């Protein structure tokens, strides 16, 4: 009868021994490791860097273009000439060569504010890239924090199952002693043994859930060994109970990353409209260059000629009619309206989500307080049942029911704590305050 519990206790001792030799992770430790290694975050940062590299005046068309050219040509000709006086001439295989080099500069002086609007658009895209990284980062913080406390929850549940095994073991010991002297029937003994084995199986199954949570946390941190045990420093799930709805709402409207990205989309749409409208203006370009050429002649009195010099000029162009421009301006204006509508819709959705999360948060806090009271009553009920059971005044099935009530109360309070923590994390995420978990002690 001792073997199952002995194995379980040995497993616990081995786990405690390993925990002493391993690093104990705080939430901040997990977040820091994830910041450095998580693949999604690294990809997002690379995308942000691409947007930053694109936001230059050269890409916007505000810088001059300088080009250099070097050319060489060779020609071979033959000719026959007949004069009216009868003096004929024949030329064969004459070679002419040309060598040329030049530097040219092209600069758009004015393009109807197209390049300046394009530069502002690229800078806005750079900001939107940073916002996209922030969204990815905040989602990561929320996801890892939730998984961190899930691991805390699973470890606490494992502890509760171990406590259940100990209670069942104690009950089995009492039944064995009473059965040996004839005070309990074999039915009582078999029922106690079945309950003990059931609790032992629950404990073993819970170990797998702990391992699964550890793997998920390692994956978020991009650990090399995803199956490595993770020992967390928190031994309880502490829920913030002083959040203020008005503060969360104001922070959501001012700091929510998705809302900020939507506002940036409006700015980009307006700049796209200005770029299309810039076609209504004339374009003034400056062209300048310096060229050098050298020619070798295969015949004639001139054997070699060279030329060099600079040139400059201004070119003005104006589109008199473009059948596509009018529709493009209309579409660009519609895109502005759509961007504004999308932001308004997102704000409404955020208000609704915040209100729903707030109600869930308050309900979870009320449930948590209720379950804490229930747990105290369940412990007291179990102690009374145990005393009556020891005196032989309580049947085994009633003793098991008292034990089950205690375990159920422990399970409900764990669930209530975790659900309250998840709604708290959701509120912090939607209000743009989720980064506070990184700075928490």
Protein backbone atom coordinates (compact mmCIF):
# COMPACT_ATOMS: atom_id res chain seq x y z
CA UNK A 1 0.00 0.00 0.00
CA UNK A 2 2.98 2.29 0.56
CA UNK A 3 4.54 2.05 -2.89
CA UNK A 4 2.42 4.62 -4.81
CA UNK A 5 2.80 7.37 -2.22
CA UNK A 6 6.47 6.51 -1.76
CA UNK A 7 7.07 6.99 -5.49
CA UNK A 8 5.21 10.29 -5.43
CA UNK A 9 7.18 11.60 -2.46
CA UNK A 10 10.44 10.54 -4.10
CA UNK A 11 9.43 12.44 -7.23
CA UNK A 12 8.72 15.51 -5.11
CA UNK A 13 12.06 15.22 -3.32
CA UNK A 14 13.87 14.88 -6.65
CA UNK A 15 12.02 17.91 -8.04
CA UNK A 16 12.93 19.99 -4.98
CA UNK A 17 16.58 18.92 -5.30
CA UNK A 18 16.64 19.97 -8.96
CA UNK A 19 14.90 23.25 -8.14
CA UNK A 20 17.69 24.11 -5.73
CA UNK A 21 20.28 23.71 -8.49
CA UNK A 22 18.34 25.66 -11.12
CA UNK A 23 17.78 29.34 -11.70
CA UNK A 24 14.59 30.66 -10.17
CA UNK A 25 12.78 32.88 -12.69
CA UNK A 26 10.87 35.99 -11.76
CA UNK A 27 8.35 37.38 -14.23
CA UNK A 28 10.88 40.06 -15.16
CA UNK A 29 13.53 37.40 -15.86
CA UNK A 30 11.18 35.59 -18.23
CA UNK A 31 10.25 38.82 -20.02
CA UNK A 32 13.89 39.89 -20.41
CA UNK A 33 14.85 36.53 -21.87
CA UNK A 34 11.86 36.64 -24.19
CA UNK A 35 12.69 40.20 -25.32
CA UNK A 36 16.14 39.05 -26.38
CA UNK A 37 15.25 35.73 -27.99
CA UNK A 38 11.60 35.58 -29.09
CA UNK A 39 11.46 35.10 -32.87
CA UNK A 40 8.28 37.11 -33.47
CA UNK A 41 9.77 40.10 -31.67
CA UNK A 42 13.01 39.85 -33.63
CA UNK A 43 11.11 39.72 -36.93
CA UNK A 44 9.01 42.72 -35.89
CA UNK A 45 12.13 44.70 -35.01
CA UNK A 46 13.62 43.88 -38.41
CA UNK A 47 10.45 45.12 -40.11
CA UNK A 48 10.67 48.31 -38.07
CA UNK A 49 14.28 48.78 -39.18
CA UNK A 50 13.26 48.38 -42.83
CA UNK A 51 10.66 51.15 -42.42
CA UNK A 52 13.31 53.31 -40.71
CA UNK A 53 15.78 52.73 -43.56
CA UNK A 54 13.12 53.68 -46.12
CA UNK A 55 12.31 57.01 -44.44
CA UNK A 56 15.00 59.05 -46.19
CA UNK A 57 14.88 62.18 -48.34
CA UNK A 58 16.56 60.24 -51.15
CA UNK A 59 13.71 57.70 -51.26
CA UNK A 60 11.25 60.60 -51.21
CA UNK A 61 12.89 62.16 -54.29
CA UNK A 62 14.29 65.24 -52.54
CA UNK A 63 17.94 64.57 -53.32
CA UNK A 64 19.72 65.19 -56.65
CA UNK A 65 20.64 62.28 -58.88
CA UNK A 66 24.26 62.18 -60.00
CA UNK A 67 25.31 59.77 -62.72
CA UNK A 68 28.60 59.12 -64.50
CA UNK A 69 29.03 57.58 -67.94
CA UNK A 70 31.93 56.22 -69.93
CA UNK A 71 31.59 55.08 -73.51
CA UNK A 72 33.82 53.68 -76.24
CA UNK A 73 32.92 52.84 -79.82
CA UNK A 74 34.82 51.43 -82.77
CA UNK A 75 33.71 51.45 -86.36
CA UNK A 76 35.24 49.94 -89.52
CA UNK A 77 34.19 51.24 -92.96
CA UNK A 78 35.04 50.69 -96.60
CA UNK A 79 33.98 52.95 -99.50
CA UNK A 80 34.15 53.31 -103.30
CA UNK A 81 33.88 56.72 -104.91
CA UNK A 82 33.57 57.50 -108.69
CA UNK A 83 34.13 61.02 -109.84
CA UNK A 84 32.64 62.61 -112.98
CA UNK A 85 36.18 63.40 -114.10
CA UNK A 86 37.09 59.74 -114.01
CA UNK A 87 39.25 59.88 -110.89
CA UNK A 88 38.01 56.99 -108.82
CA UNK A 89 38.96 56.33 -105.19
CA UNK A 90 38.74 53.20 -103.13
CA UNK A 91 39.01 53.05 -99.34
CA UNK A 92 39.21 49.85 -97.39
CA UNK A 93 39.05 48.98 -93.68
CA UNK A 94 39.16 52.45 -92.17
CA UNK A 95 38.86 52.46 -88.39
CA UNK A 96 37.26 55.29 -86.41
CA UNK A 97 37.23 55.29 -82.58
CA UNK A 98 35.26 57.33 -80.06
CA UNK A 99 35.92 57.68 -76.34
CA UNK A 100 33.54 59.69 -74.17
CA UNK A 101 33.01 60.41 -70.47
CA UNK A 102 30.61 62.59 -68.57
CA UNK A 103 28.97 63.45 -65.28
CA UNK A 104 25.31 64.51 -65.14
CA UNK A 105 23.24 65.97 -62.33
CA UNK A 106 19.42 65.97 -62.27
CA UNK A 107 17.49 67.71 -59.53
CA UNK A 108 13.78 68.36 -59.19
CA UNK A 109 13.40 71.90 -57.88
CA UNK A 110 9.62 71.80 -57.58
CA UNK A 111 7.18 68.94 -58.11
CA UNK A 112 3.97 70.28 -56.61
CA UNK A 113 4.95 69.27 -53.05
CA UNK A 114 4.99 65.60 -54.08
CA UNK A 115 8.46 64.85 -52.69
CA UNK A 116 7.84 66.70 -49.41
CA UNK A 117 4.52 64.86 -48.92
CA UNK A 118 6.22 61.57 -49.80
CA UNK A 119 8.95 62.22 -47.23
CA UNK A 120 6.35 62.92 -44.54
CA UNK A 121 4.50 59.74 -45.59
CA UNK A 122 7.71 57.69 -45.22
CA UNK A 123 8.33 59.18 -41.77
CA UNK A 124 4.75 58.34 -40.82
CA UNK A 125 5.28 54.78 -42.06
CA UNK A 126 8.40 54.66 -39.90
CA UNK A 127 6.31 55.65 -36.88
CA UNK A 128 3.68 53.09 -37.81
CA UNK A 129 6.42 50.46 -38.01
CA UNK A 130 7.48 51.37 -34.47
CA UNK A 131 3.84 51.15 -33.38
CA UNK A 132 3.55 47.69 -34.98
CA UNK A 133 6.59 46.59 -32.97
CA UNK A 134 4.97 48.01 -29.85
CA UNK A 135 1.77 46.07 -30.56
CA UNK A 136 3.80 42.88 -30.99
CA UNK A 137 5.73 43.62 -27.81
CA UNK A 138 2.62 44.30 -25.75
CA UNK A 139 0.93 41.14 -27.02
CA UNK A 140 4.07 39.23 -26.10
CA UNK A 141 4.14 40.68 -22.57
CA UNK A 142 0.48 39.80 -22.07
CA UNK A 143 0.90 36.29 -23.46
CA UNK A 144 4.03 35.48 -21.47
CA UNK A 145 2.60 36.97 -18.27
CA UNK A 146 -0.54 34.88 -18.67
CA UNK A 147 1.53 31.73 -19.24
CA UNK A 148 3.79 32.57 -16.30
CA UNK A 149 0.80 32.72 -13.95
CA UNK A 150 -0.66 29.63 -15.60
CA UNK A 151 2.50 27.80 -14.56
CA UNK A 152 2.08 29.21 -11.04
CA UNK A 153 -1.52 27.97 -11.09
CA UNK A 154 -0.54 24.50 -12.33
CA UNK A 155 2.16 24.19 -9.68
CA UNK A 156 -0.29 25.21 -6.95
CA UNK A 157 -2.77 22.68 -8.30
CA UNK A 158 -0.02 20.05 -8.22
CA UNK A 159 0.58 20.96 -4.58
CA UNK A 160 -3.13 20.58 -3.86
CA UNK A 161 -3.20 17.16 -5.51
CA UNK A 162 -0.21 16.11 -3.42
CA UNK A 163 -2.11 17.29 -0.34
CA UNK A 164 -5.07 15.20 -1.49
CA UNK A 165 -2.80 12.16 -1.79
CA UNK A 166 -1.56 12.73 1.74
CA UNK A 167 -5.13 13.00 3.06
CA UNK A 168 -6.12 9.80 1.24
CA UNK A 169 -2.99 8.07 2.53
CA UNK A 170 -3.87 9.05 6.08
CA UNK A 171 -7.43 7.81 5.62
CA UNK A 172 -6.14 4.54 4.13
CA UNK A 173 -3.81 4.12 7.13
CA UNK A 174 -6.72 4.58 9.53
CA UNK A 175 -8.90 2.11 7.62
CA UNK A 176 -6.09 -0.45 7.49
CA UNK A 177 -5.59 -0.23 11.24
CA UNK A 178 -9.33 -0.47 11.97
CA UNK A 179 -9.84 -3.21 9.39
CA UNK A 180 -7.10 -5.33 10.97
CA UNK A 181 -8.95 -5.31 14.30
CA UNK A 182 -12.38 -5.74 12.73
CA UNK A 183 -13.78 -2.23 13.28
CA UNK A 184 -14.12 -1.51 9.51
CA UNK A 185 -15.43 -3.74 6.78
CA UNK A 186 -13.52 -4.79 3.69
CA UNK A 187 -15.81 -2.49 1.70
CA UNK A 188 -14.48 0.48 3.67
CA UNK A 189 -10.93 -0.67 3.09
CA UNK A 190 -11.42 -1.15 -0.67
CA UNK A 191 -13.15 2.24 -1.04
CA UNK A 192 -10.30 3.99 0.76
CA UNK A 193 -7.79 2.24 -1.47
CA UNK A 194 -9.72 3.22 -4.64
CA UNK A 195 -9.87 6.85 -3.49
CA UNK A 196 -6.14 6.86 -2.71
CA UNK A 197 -5.28 5.46 -6.14
CA UNK A 198 -7.59 8.00 -7.83
CA UNK A 199 -5.88 10.88 -6.03
CA UNK A 200 -2.47 9.47 -6.95
CA UNK A 201 -3.52 9.29 -10.62
CA UNK A 202 -4.71 12.92 -10.47
CA UNK A 203 -1.33 13.96 -9.10
CA UNK A 204 0.53 12.14 -11.87
CA UNK A 205 -1.72 13.66 -14.56
CA UNK A 206 -1.17 17.10 -13.09
CA UNK A 207 2.58 16.67 -13.48
CA UNK A 208 2.02 16.46 -17.23
CA UNK A 209 0.07 19.73 -17.18
CA UNK A 210 2.91 21.41 -15.31
CA UNK A 211 5.35 20.13 -17.92
CA UNK A 212 3.13 21.41 -20.75
CA UNK A 213 3.01 24.88 -19.19
CA UNK A 214 6.80 24.86 -18.79
CA UNK A 215 7.20 23.96 -22.46
CA UNK A 216 4.87 26.80 -23.49
CA UNK A 217 6.83 29.28 -21.35
CA UNK A 218 10.15 28.06 -22.77
CA UNK A 219 8.77 28.44 -26.28
CA UNK A 220 7.79 32.05 -25.60
CA UNK A 221 11.28 32.72 -24.26
CA UNK A 222 12.75 30.90 -27.30
CA UNK A 223 14.79 28.67 -25.00
CA UNK A 224 17.11 26.17 -26.66
CA UNK A 225 15.73 23.32 -24.55
CA UNK A 226 11.95 23.77 -24.53
CA UNK A 227 11.47 20.81 -22.20
CA UNK A 228 13.77 22.19 -19.50
CA UNK A 229 12.10 22.69 -16.10
CA UNK A 230 11.22 26.31 -15.26
CA UNK A 231 11.19 27.21 -11.58
CA UNK A 232 9.21 30.42 -11.01
CA UNK A 233 9.64 32.61 -7.95
CA UNK A 234 5.94 33.36 -7.42
CA UNK A 235 4.10 30.92 -5.18
CA UNK A 236 0.73 32.70 -5.37
CA UNK A 237 -1.33 34.61 -7.91
CA UNK A 238 -1.69 38.17 -6.70
CA UNK A 239 -4.47 40.13 -8.38
CA UNK A 240 -4.52 43.94 -8.50
CA UNK A 241 -7.71 45.01 -6.74
CA UNK A 242 -7.44 48.80 -7.06
CA UNK A 243 -7.82 49.39 -10.78
CA UNK A 244 -9.95 52.39 -11.74
CA UNK A 245 -12.29 52.22 -14.74
CA UNK A 246 -12.11 55.93 -15.62
CA UNK A 247 -8.32 55.82 -15.55
CA UNK A 248 -8.29 52.72 -17.75
CA UNK A 249 -10.69 54.32 -20.24
CA UNK A 250 -8.64 57.52 -20.49
CA UNK A 251 -5.45 55.51 -20.92
CA UNK A 252 -7.08 53.35 -23.61
CA UNK A 253 -8.14 56.36 -25.67
CA UNK A 254 -4.72 58.00 -25.26
CA UNK A 255 -2.28 55.08 -25.34
CA UNK A 256 -3.82 52.03 -27.00
CA UNK A 257 -1.36 50.92 -29.69
CA UNK A 258 -3.96 49.79 -32.22
CA UNK A 259 -5.78 53.12 -31.88
CA UNK A 260 -2.50 54.95 -32.36
CA UNK A 261 -1.79 52.92 -35.50
CA UNK A 262 -5.27 53.78 -36.83
CA UNK A 263 -4.57 57.50 -36.31
CA UNK A 264 -1.30 57.09 -38.19
CA UNK A 265 -3.19 55.44 -41.05
CA UNK A 266 -5.32 58.58 -41.34
CA UNK A 267 -2.19 60.71 -41.62
CA UNK A 268 -0.79 58.40 -44.31
CA UNK A 269 -4.06 58.53 -46.28
CA UNK A 270 -4.04 62.35 -46.16
CA UNK A 271 -0.44 62.45 -47.40
CA UNK A 272 -1.32 60.03 -50.21
CA UNK A 273 -4.04 62.47 -51.26
CA UNK A 274 -1.54 65.35 -51.30
CA UNK A 275 0.79 63.29 -53.49
CA UNK A 276 -2.00 62.71 -56.02
CA UNK A 277 -3.02 66.38 -55.87
CA UNK A 278 0.57 67.45 -56.55
CA UNK A 279 0.05 66.48 -60.20
CA UNK A 280 -1.99 69.67 -60.62
CA UNK A 281 1.21 71.70 -60.36
CA UNK A 282 4.01 72.16 -62.90
CA UNK A 283 7.31 70.34 -62.43
CA UNK A 284 10.61 72.24 -62.61
CA UNK A 285 13.82 70.27 -63.04
CA UNK A 286 17.46 71.32 -63.16
CA UNK A 287 19.85 69.46 -65.47
CA UNK A 288 23.62 69.98 -65.46
CA UNK A 289 26.59 68.02 -66.67
CA UNK A 290 30.17 67.96 -67.80
CA UNK A 291 31.25 65.89 -70.84
CA UNK A 292 34.50 64.97 -72.48
CA UNK A 293 34.93 63.27 -75.86
CA UNK A 294 37.83 62.12 -78.00
CA UNK A 295 37.61 60.90 -81.63
CA UNK A 296 40.29 59.03 -83.62
CA UNK A 297 39.86 59.19 -87.41
CA UNK A 298 41.14 56.57 -89.77
CA UNK A 299 41.30 58.87 -92.78
CA UNK A 300 41.25 62.52 -93.73
CA UNK A 301 43.40 65.40 -92.67
CA UNK A 302 42.26 65.25 -89.05
CA UNK A 303 43.69 62.39 -87.07
CA UNK A 304 42.43 63.29 -83.56
CA UNK A 305 39.81 65.61 -82.13
CA UNK A 306 38.83 66.31 -78.50
CA UNK A 307 35.95 68.21 -76.93
CA UNK A 308 34.92 69.05 -73.39
CA UNK A 309 32.65 71.39 -71.55
CA UNK A 310 29.79 71.92 -69.14
CA UNK A 311 26.09 72.34 -69.80
CA UNK A 312 23.12 73.32 -67.67
CA UNK A 313 19.44 73.89 -68.19
CA UNK A 314 15.99 74.09 -66.69
CA UNK A 315 13.01 72.03 -67.77
CA UNK A 316 9.44 72.82 -66.86
CA UNK A 317 6.61 70.41 -67.61
CA UNK A 318 2.90 70.51 -66.93
CA UNK A 319 0.29 67.83 -67.45
CA UNK A 320 -2.55 69.41 -69.38
CA UNK A 321 -4.92 66.48 -69.14
CA UNK A 322 -4.77 63.09 -67.44
CA UNK A 323 -7.90 60.96 -67.51
CA UNK A 324 -6.85 58.94 -64.45
CA UNK A 325 -5.99 61.85 -62.14
CA UNK A 326 -9.56 62.83 -61.29
CA UNK A 327 -10.55 59.30 -60.25
CA UNK A 328 -7.34 58.85 -58.32
CA UNK A 329 -8.05 62.01 -56.30
CA UNK A 330 -11.57 60.78 -55.57
CA UNK A 331 -10.28 57.40 -54.44
CA UNK A 332 -7.59 59.02 -52.28
CA UNK A 333 -10.26 61.14 -50.60
CA UNK A 334 -12.39 58.04 -50.00
CA UNK A 335 -9.37 56.33 -48.41
CA UNK A 336 -9.15 59.22 -45.94
CA UNK A 337 -12.82 58.77 -45.04
CA UNK A 338 -12.37 55.01 -44.69
CA UNK A 339 -9.36 55.48 -42.42
CA UNK A 340 -11.34 57.86 -40.21
CA UNK A 341 -14.29 55.45 -40.09
CA UNK A 342 -11.98 52.55 -39.25
CA UNK A 343 -10.52 54.51 -36.35
CA UNK A 344 -13.96 55.45 -35.03
CA UNK A 345 -15.08 51.82 -35.31
CA UNK A 346 -11.95 50.65 -33.50
CA UNK A 347 -12.50 53.18 -30.71
CA UNK A 348 -16.08 51.96 -30.28
CA UNK A 349 -14.89 48.35 -30.20
CA UNK A 350 -12.24 49.20 -27.61
CA UNK A 351 -14.81 50.95 -25.42
CA UNK A 352 -17.07 47.89 -25.62
CA UNK A 353 -14.21 45.46 -24.95
CA UNK A 354 -13.04 47.52 -21.99
CA UNK A 355 -16.55 47.62 -20.52
CA UNK A 356 -16.93 43.83 -20.89
CA UNK A 357 -13.49 43.15 -19.43
CA UNK A 358 -14.20 45.49 -16.52
CA UNK A 359 -17.42 43.66 -15.66
CA UNK A 360 -15.61 40.33 -15.89
CA UNK A 361 -12.84 41.69 -13.68
CA UNK A 362 -15.29 42.85 -10.99
CA UNK A 363 -17.18 39.54 -11.13
CA UNK A 364 -13.94 37.57 -10.80
CA UNK A 365 -12.91 39.65 -7.78
CA UNK A 366 -16.27 38.98 -6.13
CA UNK A 367 -15.96 35.27 -6.90
CA UNK A 368 -12.42 35.27 -5.54
CA UNK A 369 -13.52 36.77 -2.23
CA UNK A 370 -16.40 34.30 -2.03
CA UNK A 371 -14.13 31.31 -2.74
CA UNK A 372 -11.69 32.47 -0.07
CA UNK A 373 -14.51 32.34 2.47
CA UNK A 374 -15.56 28.95 1.12
CA UNK A 375 -12.02 27.61 1.52
CA UNK A 376 -11.95 28.55 5.20
CA UNK A 377 -15.29 26.79 5.70
CA UNK A 378 -14.09 23.74 3.72
CA UNK A 379 -10.99 23.38 5.93
CA UNK A 380 -13.11 23.63 9.06
CA UNK A 381 -15.63 21.13 7.67
CA UNK A 382 -12.83 18.68 6.86
CA UNK A 383 -11.28 18.97 10.32
CA UNK A 384 -14.64 18.26 11.96
CA UNK A 385 -15.28 15.31 9.63
CA UNK A 386 -11.80 13.92 10.31
CA UNK A 387 -12.33 14.06 14.09
CA UNK A 388 -15.68 12.28 13.78
CA UNK A 389 -14.15 9.76 11.40
CA UNK A 390 -11.35 9.01 13.87
CA UNK A 391 -13.99 8.36 16.53
CA UNK A 392 -15.87 6.03 14.18
CA UNK A 393 -18.86 8.38 14.16
CA UNK A 394 -18.72 9.19 10.42
CA UNK A 395 -18.99 6.76 7.47
CA UNK A 396 -16.12 6.57 4.98
CA UNK A 397 -18.27 7.92 2.15
CA UNK A 398 -19.06 11.06 4.18
CA UNK A 399 -15.37 11.46 5.00
CA UNK A 400 -14.54 11.26 1.31
CA UNK A 401 -17.24 13.84 0.58
CA UNK A 402 -15.67 16.25 3.10
CA UNK A 403 -12.27 15.68 1.53
CA UNK A 404 -13.69 16.23 -1.96
CA UNK A 405 -15.38 19.45 -0.81
CA UNK A 406 -12.02 20.73 0.41
CA UNK A 407 -10.29 19.82 -2.85
CA UNK A 408 -13.08 21.41 -4.87
CA UNK A 409 -12.78 24.60 -2.82
CA UNK A 410 -9.03 24.68 -3.45
CA UNK A 411 -9.62 24.13 -7.18
CA UNK A 412 -12.27 26.86 -7.40
CA UNK A 413 -10.11 29.43 -5.67
CA UNK A 414 -7.22 28.65 -8.01
CA UNK A 415 -9.51 29.05 -11.01
CA UNK A 416 -10.94 32.29 -9.62
CA UNK A 417 -7.48 33.71 -8.97
CA UNK A 418 -6.23 32.84 -12.45
CA UNK A 419 -9.37 34.15 -14.18
CA UNK A 420 -9.12 37.40 -12.23
CA UNK A 421 -5.45 37.70 -13.21
CA UNK A 422 -6.25 37.09 -16.88
CA UNK A 423 -8.91 39.82 -16.91
CA UNK A 424 -6.45 42.12 -15.14
CA UNK A 425 -3.83 41.42 -17.83
CA UNK A 426 -6.44 42.05 -20.54
CA UNK A 427 -7.36 45.40 -18.98
CA UNK A 428 -3.70 46.41 -18.80
CA UNK A 429 -3.18 45.36 -22.43
CA UNK A 430 -6.12 47.27 -23.87
CA UNK A 431 -5.23 50.40 -21.85
CA UNK A 432 -1.62 50.39 -23.01
CA UNK A 433 -0.29 49.71 -19.50
CA UNK A 434 0.77 46.10 -19.93
CA UNK A 435 4.46 47.09 -19.94
CA UNK A 436 4.09 47.76 -16.21
CA UNK A 437 4.49 43.99 -15.65
CA UNK A 438 8.07 44.37 -16.85
CA UNK A 439 8.77 46.89 -14.09
CA UNK A 440 6.91 45.00 -11.39
CA UNK A 441 8.94 43.61 -8.54
